[in-house]
Amino acid sequence: MSADEPAAPDPRAASHPNPDANAGVATGAAPLSDDALLALPTVYRADLFAGRTILVSGAGTGIGKAIACLFGRLGGRVVLCGRSGEKLEATRRLLERVGTTALAIPTNIREPEQVDALFARIEAEAPGLDVVVNNAGGQYPQASIDLSDKGWRAVVDTNLNGTWTMMQRAARFWKRRATAGSIVNVVAPYRRGMYGLAHTVAARAAVAHLAQNLAVEWAPDGIRINCVLPGPIATEGLAVYSEEARSALARSNPLRRLGDVQDIAEACAYLSADSGKFITGEVLVVDGGHQHWGELWMAGRPPGYGD
């Protein structure tokens, strides 16, 4: 449940069983350093994605940066895309430290012509493409009754339309080359709801259902499509929310803590590797049980609702 925003706090704090220990994490006050990000433990072997190319959108910060780093550490060639060339370049330099070949291509996924240019460069400069992780997206908290038409459309255009364009262009790439591929879309807690984020709930739910539909349609072409649904994850992207909302996040699931960026990165790896070869059209929920229990009032809890 993070926008394409800065890097995550220390996962050791995020995994503390005492929710009070998450106070600093929930406010995004302790970003995870690059050294710590590269040192995060993983259950996967170091050559899991050797010889494979992975495209990660929103790879300049937060969850996307962690996903790119994990795939790179596991031997993959990584293509980084996002709106900020400066942030992508920082991620690319970070991947160089673990000996990973990375290509950084600034791209606004809301603009189909930029997505077309992205895939044209991949075709020209990369040996192929095996996995696409659609992580780019964003939202802002506001009571739904106050949302402007422009604000609604901006979020839906990025989170739904941009993701659709990335999926379709990837499918065309693979079909043209007669090769198989895997798509993983990082969505958000649309099932339980995120009150005060109606625009992103609508868009992310649409992405999940679209992925289920496309998983059937594109299966004959060897294309698998799945989603990862994060719960409250410790990243600096939480800074867009109020102190009230942030302080409640660690209490919004029965594990009573925040997840960390590696929880999401490893879920993406599981679905993309051979471990996921018989999985398509699914939503892997990584939320500490939030969907069964908690509430997320991201623009403040209205009068009449108790704690």
C-alpha atoms as a PDB file:
ATOM      1  CA  MET A   1       0.000   0.000   0.000  1.00  0.00           C
ATOM      2  CA  SER A   2       2.601   2.439  -1.140  1.00  0.00           C
ATOM      3  CA  ALA A   3       2.885   4.930  -3.943  1.00  0.00           C
ATOM      4  CA  ASP A   4       5.943   5.087  -6.208  1.00  0.00           C
ATOM      5  CA  GLU A   5       7.758   6.945  -3.447  1.00  0.00           C
ATOM      6  CA  PRO A   6      11.021   6.944  -1.473  1.00  0.00           C
ATOM      7  CA  ALA A   7      12.833   4.030   0.104  1.00  0.00           C
ATOM      8  CA  ALA A   8      11.555   1.959   2.986  1.00  0.00           C
ATOM      9  CA  PRO A   9      12.374   2.074   6.698  1.00  0.00           C
ATOM     10  CA  ASP A  10      14.409  -0.542   8.519  1.00  0.00           C
ATOM     11  CA  PRO A  11      12.554  -3.866   8.151  1.00  0.00           C
ATOM     12  CA  ARG A  12      13.796  -5.010  11.540  1.00  0.00           C
ATOM     13  CA  ALA A  13      11.707  -2.283  13.136  1.00  0.00           C
ATOM     14  CA  ALA A  14       8.769  -3.121  10.873  1.00  0.00           C
ATOM     15  CA  SER A  15       8.803  -6.742  12.024  1.00  0.00           C
ATOM     16  CA  HIS A  16       8.824  -6.018  15.744  1.00  0.00           C
ATOM     17  CA  PRO A  17       5.885  -7.779  17.484  1.00  0.00           C
ATOM     18  CA  ASN A  18       5.102  -4.705  19.576  1.00  0.00           C
ATOM     19  CA  PRO A  19       3.036  -2.228  17.526  1.00  0.00           C
ATOM     20  CA  ASP A  20       4.468   0.670  19.507  1.00  0.00           C
ATOM     21  CA  ALA A  21       7.858  -0.161  18.000  1.00  0.00           C
ATOM     22  CA  ASN A  22       6.435   0.822  14.617  1.00  0.00           C
ATOM     23  CA  ALA A  23       5.859   4.448  15.548  1.00  0.00           C
ATOM     24  CA  GLY A  24       8.936   5.683  13.722  1.00  0.00           C
ATOM     25  CA  VAL A  25       8.426   3.286  10.839  1.00  0.00           C
ATOM     26  CA  ALA A  26       4.809   4.299  10.308  1.00  0.00           C
ATOM     27  CA  THR A  27       5.783   7.910   9.829  1.00  0.00           C
ATOM     28  CA  GLY A  28       8.469   6.974   7.309  1.00  0.00           C
ATOM     29  CA  ALA A  29      11.070   8.611   9.553  1.00  0.00           C
ATOM     30  CA  ALA A  30      13.804   5.995   9.114  1.00  0.00           C
ATOM     31  CA  PRO A  31      14.432   5.280   5.415  1.00  0.00           C
ATOM     32  CA  LEU A  32      16.274   2.104   4.547  1.00  0.00           C
ATOM     33  CA  SER A  33      19.780   2.870   3.334  1.00  0.00           C
ATOM     34  CA  ASP A  34      21.100   1.438   0.077  1.00  0.00           C
ATOM     35  CA  ASP A  35      23.536  -0.740   2.027  1.00  0.00           C
ATOM     36  CA  ALA A  36      20.686  -2.132   4.136  1.00  0.00           C
ATOM     37  CA  LEU A  37      18.528  -2.698   1.061  1.00  0.00           C
ATOM     38  CA  LEU A  38      21.218  -4.791  -0.592  1.00  0.00           C
ATOM     39  CA  ALA A  39      21.755  -6.737   2.646  1.00  0.00           C
ATOM     40  CA  LEU A  40      18.111  -7.738   3.147  1.00  0.00           C
ATOM     41  CA  PRO A  41      17.901 -11.518   3.639  1.00  0.00           C
ATOM     42  CA  THR A  42      16.178 -13.568   0.959  1.00  0.00           C
ATOM     43  CA  VAL A  43      15.005 -17.171   0.813  1.00  0.00           C
ATOM     44  CA  TYR A  44      15.963 -17.472  -2.862  1.00  0.00           C
ATOM     45  CA  ARG A  45      19.162 -18.782  -4.425  1.00  0.00           C
ATOM     46  CA  ALA A  46      21.520 -16.243  -5.962  1.00  0.00           C
ATOM     47  CA  ASP A  47      21.136 -17.398  -9.590  1.00  0.00           C
ATOM     48  CA  LEU A  48      17.342 -17.786  -9.656  1.00  0.00           C
ATOM     49  CA  PHE A  49      16.884 -15.279 -12.499  1.00  0.00           C
ATOM     50  CA  ALA A  50      20.213 -15.751 -14.258  1.00  0.00           C
ATOM     51  CA  GLY A  51      19.804 -15.200 -17.989  1.00  0.00           C
ATOM     52  CA  ARG A  52      16.419 -13.503 -17.577  1.00  0.00           C
ATOM     53  CA  THR A  53      15.429  -9.882 -18.139  1.00  0.00           C
ATOM     54  CA  ILE A  54      12.962  -8.187 -15.802  1.00  0.00           C
ATOM     55  CA  LEU A  55      11.220  -4.853 -16.379  1.00  0.00           C
ATOM     56  CA  VAL A  56      10.205  -3.059 -13.171  1.00  0.00           C
ATOM     57  CA  SER A  57       8.118   0.114 -13.291  1.00  0.00           C
ATOM     58  CA  GLY A  58       8.245   2.671 -10.498  1.00  0.00           C
ATOM     59  CA  ALA A  59      11.761   1.381  -9.840  1.00  0.00           C
ATOM     60  CA  GLY A  60      13.246   4.615  -8.535  1.00  0.00           C
ATOM     61  CA  THR A  61      11.952   4.409  -4.978  1.00  0.00           C
ATOM     62  CA  GLY A  62      10.213   2.351  -2.299  1.00  0.00           C
ATOM     63  CA  ILE A  63       8.733  -1.014  -3.198  1.00  0.00           C
ATOM     64  CA  GLY A  64       9.768  -0.761  -6.851  1.00  0.00           C
ATOM     65  CA  LYS A  65      13.383  -0.114  -5.920  1.00  0.00           C
ATOM     66  CA  ALA A  66      13.334  -3.108  -3.575  1.00  0.00           C
ATOM     67  CA  ILE A  67      11.835  -5.331  -6.290  1.00  0.00           C
ATOM     68  CA  ALA A  68      14.498  -4.251  -8.777  1.00  0.00           C
ATOM     69  CA  CYS A  69      17.260  -4.870  -6.230  1.00  0.00           C
ATOM     70  CA  LEU A  70      16.021  -8.341  -5.365  1.00  0.00           C
ATOM     71  CA  PHE A  71      15.726  -9.446  -8.994  1.00  0.00           C
ATOM     72  CA  GLY A  72      19.194  -8.030  -9.623  1.00  0.00           C
ATOM     73  CA  ARG A  73      20.656  -9.806  -6.616  1.00  0.00           C
ATOM     74  CA  LEU A  74      19.117 -13.035  -7.938  1.00  0.00           C
ATOM     75  CA  GLY A  75      21.062 -12.748 -11.186  1.00  0.00           C
ATOM     76  CA  GLY A  76      18.521 -11.015 -13.417  1.00  0.00           C
ATOM     77  CA  ARG A  77      19.139  -8.274 -15.960  1.00  0.00           C
ATOM     78  CA  VAL A  78      16.874  -5.423 -14.901  1.00  0.00           C
ATOM     79  CA  VAL A  79      15.192  -2.704 -16.933  1.00  0.00           C
ATOM     80  CA  LEU A  80      14.141   0.208 -14.730  1.00  0.00           C
ATOM     81  CA  CYS A  81      11.380   2.624 -15.664  1.00  0.00           C
ATOM     82  CA  GLY A  82       9.677   5.481 -13.851  1.00  0.00           C
ATOM     83  CA  ARG A  83       9.067   9.193 -14.155  1.00  0.00           C
ATOM     84  CA  SER A  84      12.293  10.408 -12.527  1.00  0.00           C
ATOM     85  CA  GLY A  85      15.456   9.769 -14.484  1.00  0.00           C
ATOM     86  CA  GLU A  86      17.565  10.852 -11.519  1.00  0.00           C
ATOM     87  CA  LYS A  87      15.984   8.278  -9.189  1.00  0.00           C
ATOM     88  CA  LEU A  88      16.229   5.541 -11.804  1.00  0.00           C
ATOM     89  CA  GLU A  89      19.901   6.301 -12.277  1.00  0.00           C
ATOM     90  CA  ALA A  90      20.451   5.997  -8.529  1.00  0.00           C
ATOM     91  CA  THR A  91      18.822   2.556  -8.591  1.00  0.00           C
ATOM     92  CA  ARG A  92      20.909   1.573 -11.615  1.00  0.00           C
ATOM     93  CA  ARG A  93      24.118   2.525  -9.792  1.00  0.00           C
ATOM     94  CA  LEU A  94      22.960   0.531  -6.791  1.00  0.00           C
ATOM     95  CA  LEU A  95      22.459  -2.549  -8.965  1.00  0.00           C
ATOM     96  CA  GLU A  96      25.944  -2.119 -10.392  1.00  0.00           C
ATOM     97  CA  ARG A  97      27.268  -2.755  -6.895  1.00  0.00           C
ATOM     98  CA  VAL A  98      25.971  -6.327  -7.040  1.00  0.00           C
ATOM     99  CA  GLY A  99      27.226  -6.860 -10.583  1.00  0.00           C
ATOM    100  CA  THR A 100      23.827  -6.510 -12.217  1.00  0.00           C
ATOM    101  CA  THR A 101      23.352  -5.186 -15.722  1.00  0.00           C
ATOM    102  CA  ALA A 102      20.589  -2.573 -15.599  1.00  0.00           C
ATOM    103  CA  LEU A 103      19.034  -0.240 -18.135  1.00  0.00           C
ATOM    104  CA  ALA A 104      17.263   2.907 -16.863  1.00  0.00           C
ATOM    105  CA  ILE A 105      14.559   4.343 -19.148  1.00  0.00           C
ATOM    106  CA  PRO A 106      12.508   7.311 -17.848  1.00  0.00           C
ATOM    107  CA  THR A 107       8.863   6.623 -18.721  1.00  0.00           C
ATOM    108  CA  ASN A 108       5.499   8.066 -17.767  1.00  0.00           C
ATOM    109  CA  ILE A 109       3.180   5.069 -18.079  1.00  0.00           C
ATOM    110  CA  ARG A 110       0.197   7.410 -18.489  1.00  0.00           C
ATOM    111  CA  GLU A 111       1.517   8.258 -21.961  1.00  0.00           C
ATOM    112  CA  PRO A 112       1.117   5.337 -24.398  1.00  0.00           C
ATOM    113  CA  GLU A 113       3.724   6.737 -26.763  1.00  0.00           C
ATOM    114  CA  GLN A 114       6.288   6.716 -23.951  1.00  0.00           C
ATOM    115  CA  VAL A 115       5.430   3.089 -23.171  1.00  0.00           C
ATOM    116  CA  ASP A 116       5.845   2.268 -26.869  1.00  0.00           C
ATOM    117  CA  ALA A 117       9.261   3.938 -26.803  1.00  0.00           C
ATOM    118  CA  LEU A 118      10.178   1.950 -23.675  1.00  0.00           C
ATOM    119  CA  PHE A 119       9.449  -1.379 -25.348  1.00  0.00           C
ATOM    120  CA  ALA A 120      11.201  -0.273 -28.533  1.00  0.00           C
ATOM    121  CA  ARG A 121      14.364   0.365 -26.510  1.00  0.00           C
ATOM    122  CA  ILE A 122      14.042  -2.987 -24.759  1.00  0.00           C
ATOM    123  CA  GLU A 123      13.742  -4.687 -28.125  1.00  0.00           C
ATOM    124  CA  ALA A 124      16.792  -2.824 -29.433  1.00  0.00           C
ATOM    125  CA  GLU A 125      19.051  -2.934 -26.377  1.00  0.00           C
ATOM    126  CA  ALA A 126      18.052  -5.939 -24.244  1.00  0.00           C
ATOM    127  CA  PRO A 127      18.536  -9.581 -25.183  1.00  0.00           C
ATOM    128  CA  GLY A 128      14.876 -10.260 -24.484  1.00  0.00           C
ATOM    129  CA  LEU A 129      12.188  -9.803 -21.847  1.00  0.00           C
ATOM    130  CA  ASP A 130      10.928 -12.439 -19.436  1.00  0.00           C
ATOM    131  CA  VAL A 131       9.100 -10.665 -16.619  1.00  0.00           C
ATOM    132  CA  VAL A 132       7.228  -7.371 -16.238  1.00  0.00           C
ATOM    133  CA  VAL A 133       6.491  -6.085 -12.741  1.00  0.00           C
ATOM    134  CA  ASN A 134       3.971  -3.236 -12.880  1.00  0.00           C
ATOM    135  CA  ASN A 135       4.626  -1.363  -9.657  1.00  0.00           C
ATOM    136  CA  ALA A 136       4.290   2.264 -10.821  1.00  0.00           C
ATOM    137  CA  GLY A 137       1.310   4.137  -9.443  1.00  0.00           C
ATOM    138  CA  GLY A 138       0.249   6.606  -6.829  1.00  0.00           C
ATOM    139  CA  GLN A 139      -2.610   8.235  -5.005  1.00  0.00           C
ATOM    140  CA  TYR A 140      -3.376  10.901  -2.443  1.00  0.00           C
ATOM    141  CA  PRO A 141      -5.795  10.861   0.492  1.00  0.00           C
ATOM    142  CA  GLN A 142      -9.053  12.812   0.247  1.00  0.00           C
ATOM    143  CA  ALA A 143     -12.657  12.223   1.237  1.00  0.00           C
ATOM    144  CA  SER A 144     -14.394  10.872  -1.853  1.00  0.00           C
ATOM    145  CA  ILE A 145     -17.092  13.515  -1.763  1.00  0.00           C
ATOM    146  CA  ASP A 146     -14.395  16.176  -2.188  1.00  0.00           C
ATOM    147  CA  LEU A 147     -12.438  14.546  -5.030  1.00  0.00           C
ATOM    148  CA  SER A 148     -12.115  16.727  -8.109  1.00  0.00           C
ATOM    149  CA  ASP A 149     -12.777  15.335 -11.561  1.00  0.00           C
ATOM    150  CA  LYS A 150      -9.165  16.054 -12.456  1.00  0.00           C
ATOM    151  CA  GLY A 151      -7.824  14.264  -9.380  1.00  0.00           C
ATOM    152  CA  TRP A 152     -10.009  11.205  -9.943  1.00  0.00           C
ATOM    153  CA  ARG A 153      -8.970  10.902 -13.573  1.00  0.00           C
ATOM    154  CA  ALA A 154      -5.278  11.428 -12.844  1.00  0.00           C
ATOM    155  CA  VAL A 155      -5.120   8.532 -10.387  1.00  0.00           C
ATOM    156  CA  VAL A 156      -7.258   6.210 -12.498  1.00  0.00           C
ATOM    157  CA  ASP A 157      -5.271   7.092 -15.599  1.00  0.00           C
ATOM    158  CA  THR A 158      -1.987   6.135 -13.939  1.00  0.00           C
ATOM    159  CA  ASN A 159      -3.024   3.154 -11.853  1.00  0.00           C
ATOM    160  CA  LEU A 160      -5.439   1.522 -14.310  1.00  0.00           C
ATOM    161  CA  ASN A 161      -4.816   2.867 -17.802  1.00  0.00           C
ATOM    162  CA  GLY A 162      -1.045   3.015 -17.403  1.00  0.00           C
ATOM    163  CA  THR A 163      -0.936  -0.552 -16.090  1.00  0.00           C
ATOM    164  CA  TRP A 164      -3.167  -1.715 -18.944  1.00  0.00           C
ATOM    165  CA  THR A 165      -0.858  -0.126 -21.513  1.00  0.00           C
ATOM    166  CA  MET A 166       2.173  -1.801 -19.958  1.00  0.00           C
ATOM    167  CA  MET A 167       0.436  -5.191 -19.956  1.00  0.00           C
ATOM    168  CA  GLN A 168      -0.762  -4.922 -23.538  1.00  0.00           C
ATOM    169  CA  ARG A 169       2.594  -3.763 -24.891  1.00  0.00           C
ATOM    170  CA  ALA A 170       4.354  -6.581 -23.046  1.00  0.00           C
ATOM    171  CA  ALA A 171       1.918  -9.119 -24.497  1.00  0.00           C
ATOM    172  CA  ARG A 172       2.447  -7.736 -27.993  1.00  0.00           C
ATOM    173  CA  PHE A 173       6.224  -7.933 -27.469  1.00  0.00           C
ATOM    174  CA  TRP A 174       6.056 -11.599 -26.477  1.00  0.00           C
ATOM    175  CA  LYS A 175       3.517 -12.552 -29.142  1.00  0.00           C
ATOM    176  CA  ARG A 176       5.612 -10.901 -31.840  1.00  0.00           C
ATOM    177  CA  ARG A 177       8.635 -12.885 -30.698  1.00  0.00           C
ATOM    178  CA  ALA A 178       6.644 -16.072 -29.991  1.00  0.00           C
ATOM    179  CA  THR A 179       8.077 -16.224 -26.458  1.00  0.00           C
ATOM    180  CA  ALA A 180       6.419 -16.736 -23.085  1.00  0.00           C
ATOM    181  CA  GLY A 181       6.330 -14.117 -20.339  1.00  0.00           C
ATOM    182  CA  SER A 182       5.105 -13.303 -16.860  1.00  0.00           C
ATOM    183  CA  ILE A 183       3.373 -10.143 -15.635  1.00  0.00           C
ATOM    184  CA  VAL A 184       2.998  -9.223 -11.968  1.00  0.00           C
ATOM    185  CA  ASN A 185       0.904  -6.187 -11.039  1.00  0.00           C
ATOM    186  CA  VAL A 186       1.388  -4.622  -7.599  1.00  0.00           C
ATOM    187  CA  VAL A 187      -2.053  -3.429  -6.525  1.00  0.00           C
ATOM    188  CA  ALA A 188      -3.467  -2.220  -3.154  1.00  0.00           C
ATOM    189  CA  PRO A 189      -5.974  -3.322  -0.464  1.00  0.00           C
ATOM    190  CA  TYR A 190      -9.109  -2.885  -2.593  1.00  0.00           C
ATOM    191  CA  ARG A 191     -10.849  -5.928  -1.095  1.00  0.00           C
ATOM    192  CA  ARG A 192     -11.193  -4.573   2.400  1.00  0.00           C
ATOM    193  CA  GLY A 193     -11.212  -0.980   1.234  1.00  0.00           C
ATOM    194  CA  MET A 194      -9.073   2.073   1.846  1.00  0.00           C
ATOM    195  CA  TYR A 195     -11.421   4.806   2.920  1.00  0.00           C
ATOM    196  CA  GLY A 196     -10.310   8.173   1.634  1.00  0.00           C
ATOM    197  CA  LEU A 197      -8.681   6.591  -1.423  1.00  0.00           C
ATOM    198  CA  ALA A 198     -11.713   5.833  -3.585  1.00  0.00           C
ATOM    199  CA  HIS A 199      -9.848   6.629  -6.802  1.00  0.00           C
ATOM    200  CA  THR A 200      -7.120   4.071  -6.236  1.00  0.00           C
ATOM    201  CA  VAL A 201      -9.493   1.436  -4.841  1.00  0.00           C
ATOM    202  CA  ALA A 202     -11.476   1.622  -8.084  1.00  0.00           C
ATOM    203  CA  ALA A 203      -8.357   1.499 -10.241  1.00  0.00           C
ATOM    204  CA  ARG A 204      -6.592  -1.292  -8.371  1.00  0.00           C
ATOM    205  CA  ALA A 205      -9.705  -3.478  -8.223  1.00  0.00           C
ATOM    206  CA  ALA A 206     -10.066  -2.985 -11.961  1.00  0.00           C
ATOM    207  CA  VAL A 207      -6.445  -4.030 -12.529  1.00  0.00           C
ATOM    208  CA  ALA A 208      -6.927  -7.225 -10.515  1.00  0.00           C
ATOM    209  CA  HIS A 209     -10.068  -8.216 -12.396  1.00  0.00           C
ATOM    210  CA  LEU A 210      -8.531  -7.222 -15.714  1.00  0.00           C
ATOM    211  CA  ALA A 211      -5.544  -9.446 -14.935  1.00  0.00           C
ATOM    212  CA  GLN A 212      -7.868 -12.388 -14.291  1.00  0.00           C
ATOM    213  CA  ASN A 213      -9.546 -11.824 -17.643  1.00  0.00           C
ATOM    214  CA  LEU A 214      -6.286 -11.424 -19.557  1.00  0.00           C
ATOM    215  CA  ALA A 215      -4.794 -14.491 -17.851  1.00  0.00           C
ATOM    216  CA  VAL A 216      -7.371 -16.584 -19.698  1.00  0.00           C
ATOM    217  CA  GLU A 217      -7.187 -14.627 -22.955  1.00  0.00           C
ATOM    218  CA  TRP A 218      -3.408 -14.675 -23.221  1.00  0.00           C
ATOM    219  CA  ALA A 219      -2.704 -18.142 -21.805  1.00  0.00           C
ATOM    220  CA  PRO A 220      -2.453 -19.701 -25.309  1.00  0.00           C
ATOM    221  CA  ASP A 221       0.482 -17.336 -25.935  1.00  0.00           C
ATOM    222  CA  GLY A 222       2.312 -18.564 -22.844  1.00  0.00           C
ATOM    223  CA  ILE A 223       1.691 -15.363 -20.877  1.00  0.00           C
ATOM    224  CA  ARG A 224       0.940 -15.600 -17.163  1.00  0.00           C
ATOM    225  CA  ILE A 225      -0.557 -12.641 -15.282  1.00  0.00           C
ATOM    226  CA  ASN A 226      -0.858 -12.320 -11.517  1.00  0.00           C
ATOM    227  CA  CYS A 227      -1.123  -9.599  -8.888  1.00  0.00           C
ATOM    228  CA  VAL A 228       0.482  -8.968  -5.525  1.00  0.00           C
ATOM    229  CA  LEU A 229      -1.710  -7.102  -3.047  1.00  0.00           C
ATOM    230  CA  PRO A 230       0.343  -5.447  -0.291  1.00  0.00           C
ATOM    231  CA  GLY A 231      -1.120  -4.410   3.009  1.00  0.00           C
ATOM    232  CA  PRO A 232       0.434  -1.556   4.998  1.00  0.00           C
ATOM    233  CA  ILE A 233       4.114  -1.582   4.030  1.00  0.00           C
ATOM    234  CA  ALA A 234       6.800   0.587   5.614  1.00  0.00           C
ATOM    235  CA  THR A 235       8.005   3.024   2.961  1.00  0.00           C
ATOM    236  CA  GLU A 236       8.498   6.766   2.810  1.00  0.00           C
ATOM    237  CA  GLY A 237       5.437   6.826   0.553  1.00  0.00           C
ATOM    238  CA  LEU A 238       3.406   6.791   3.767  1.00  0.00           C
ATOM    239  CA  ALA A 239       4.450  10.406   4.303  1.00  0.00           C
ATOM    240  CA  VAL A 240       1.565  11.596   2.090  1.00  0.00           C
ATOM    241  CA  TYR A 241      -0.887  10.491   4.781  1.00  0.00           C
ATOM    242  CA  SER A 242      -1.803  12.228   8.023  1.00  0.00           C
ATOM    243  CA  GLU A 243      -0.177  11.387  11.334  1.00  0.00           C
ATOM    244  CA  GLU A 244      -3.494   9.891  12.447  1.00  0.00           C
ATOM    245  CA  ALA A 245      -3.622   7.569   9.450  1.00  0.00           C
ATOM    246  CA  ARG A 246       0.042   6.572   9.743  1.00  0.00           C
ATOM    247  CA  SER A 247      -0.192   5.807  13.439  1.00  0.00           C
ATOM    248  CA  ALA A 248      -3.132   3.455  12.816  1.00  0.00           C
ATOM    249  CA  LEU A 249      -1.461   1.439  10.062  1.00  0.00           C
ATOM    250  CA  ALA A 250       0.448  -0.974  12.285  1.00  0.00           C
ATOM    251  CA  ARG A 251      -2.799  -1.759  14.151  1.00  0.00           C
ATOM    252  CA  SER A 252      -4.758  -2.498  10.975  1.00  0.00           C
ATOM    253  CA  ASN A 253      -3.870  -6.201  10.794  1.00  0.00           C
ATOM    254  CA  PRO A 254      -3.877  -9.040  13.338  1.00  0.00           C
ATOM    255  CA  LEU A 255      -0.079  -9.324  13.248  1.00  0.00           C
ATOM    256  CA  ARG A 256      -0.062  -5.757  14.624  1.00  0.00           C
ATOM    257  CA  ARG A 257       2.870  -4.499  12.577  1.00  0.00           C
ATOM    258  CA  LEU A 258       3.853  -3.129   9.190  1.00  0.00           C
ATOM    259  CA  GLY A 259       5.233  -5.281   6.427  1.00  0.00           C
ATOM    260  CA  ASP A 260       8.537  -4.442   4.770  1.00  0.00           C
ATOM    261  CA  VAL A 261       9.530  -3.989   1.149  1.00  0.00           C
ATOM    262  CA  GLN A 262      11.183  -7.409   0.948  1.00  0.00           C
ATOM    263  CA  ASP A 263       7.833  -9.057   1.712  1.00  0.00           C
ATOM    264  CA  ILE A 264       6.515  -7.657  -1.555  1.00  0.00           C
ATOM    265  CA  ALA A 265       9.690  -8.175  -3.568  1.00  0.00           C
ATOM    266  CA  GLU A 266       9.871 -11.850  -2.630  1.00  0.00           C
ATOM    267  CA  ALA A 267       6.194 -12.333  -3.494  1.00  0.00           C
ATOM    268  CA  CYS A 268       6.898 -10.915  -6.966  1.00  0.00           C
ATOM    269  CA  ALA A 269       9.877 -13.248  -7.323  1.00  0.00           C
ATOM    270  CA  TYR A 270       7.799 -16.269  -6.305  1.00  0.00           C
ATOM    271  CA  LEU A 271       5.182 -15.577  -8.963  1.00  0.00           C
ATOM    272  CA  SER A 272       7.793 -14.798 -11.635  1.00  0.00           C
ATOM    273  CA  ALA A 273      10.109 -17.776 -11.089  1.00  0.00           C
ATOM    274  CA  ASP A 274       9.436 -21.408 -11.938  1.00  0.00           C
ATOM    275  CA  SER A 275       7.751 -21.664  -8.540  1.00  0.00           C
ATOM    276  CA  GLY A 276       4.836 -19.817 -10.145  1.00  0.00           C
ATOM    277  CA  LYS A 277       4.772 -21.667 -13.473  1.00  0.00           C
ATOM    278  CA  PHE A 278       1.290 -23.122 -12.792  1.00  0.00           C
ATOM    279  CA  ILE A 279      -0.166 -19.923 -11.303  1.00  0.00           C
ATOM    280  CA  THR A 280      -2.055 -17.382 -13.382  1.00  0.00           C
ATOM    281  CA  GLY A 281      -4.992 -15.057 -12.822  1.00  0.00           C
ATOM    282  CA  GLU A 282      -4.373 -14.951  -9.073  1.00  0.00           C
ATOM    283  CA  VAL A 283      -3.986 -12.235  -6.446  1.00  0.00           C
ATOM    284  CA  LEU A 284      -1.347 -13.006  -3.820  1.00  0.00           C
ATOM    285  CA  VAL A 285      -2.280 -11.059  -0.691  1.00  0.00           C
ATOM    286  CA  VAL A 286       0.649  -9.983   1.513  1.00  0.00           C
ATOM    287  CA  ASP A 287      -1.057  -7.962   4.237  1.00  0.00           C
ATOM    288  CA  GLY A 288      -0.571  -9.588   7.645  1.00  0.00           C
ATOM    289  CA  GLY A 289      -4.234 -10.655   7.626  1.00  0.00           C
ATOM    290  CA  HIS A 290      -5.537  -7.112   7.155  1.00  0.00           C
ATOM    291  CA  GLN A 291      -8.222  -8.172   4.678  1.00  0.00           C
ATOM    292  CA  HIS A 292      -9.810 -10.368   7.319  1.00  0.00           C
ATOM    293  CA  TRP A 293      -9.753  -7.914  10.158  1.00  0.00           C
ATOM    294  CA  GLY A 294      -8.643  -4.313   9.824  1.00  0.00           C
ATOM    295  CA  GLU A 295      -9.691  -0.905   8.576  1.00  0.00           C
ATOM    296  CA  LEU A 296      -7.767   1.764   6.694  1.00  0.00           C
ATOM    297  CA  TRP A 297      -9.071   5.328   7.036  1.00  0.00           C
ATOM    298  CA  MET A 298      -6.503   7.148   4.945  1.00  0.00           C
ATOM    299  CA  ALA A 299      -8.142  10.573   4.995  1.00  0.00           C
ATOM    300  CA  GLY A 300      -9.207  10.455   8.645  1.00  0.00           C
ATOM    301  CA  ARG A 301     -11.971   8.583  10.455  1.00  0.00           C
ATOM    302  CA  PRO A 302     -15.282  10.431  10.179  1.00  0.00           C
ATOM    303  CA  PRO A 303     -17.463  11.303  13.195  1.00  0.00           C
ATOM    304  CA  GLY A 304     -19.571   8.392  14.323  1.00  0.00           C
ATOM    305  CA  TYR A 305     -16.931   5.724  13.793  1.00  0.00           C
ATOM    306  CA  GLY A 306     -15.155   4.711  16.978  1.00  0.00           C
ATOM    307  CA  ASP A 307     -11.714   3.186  17.299  1.00  0.00           C
END
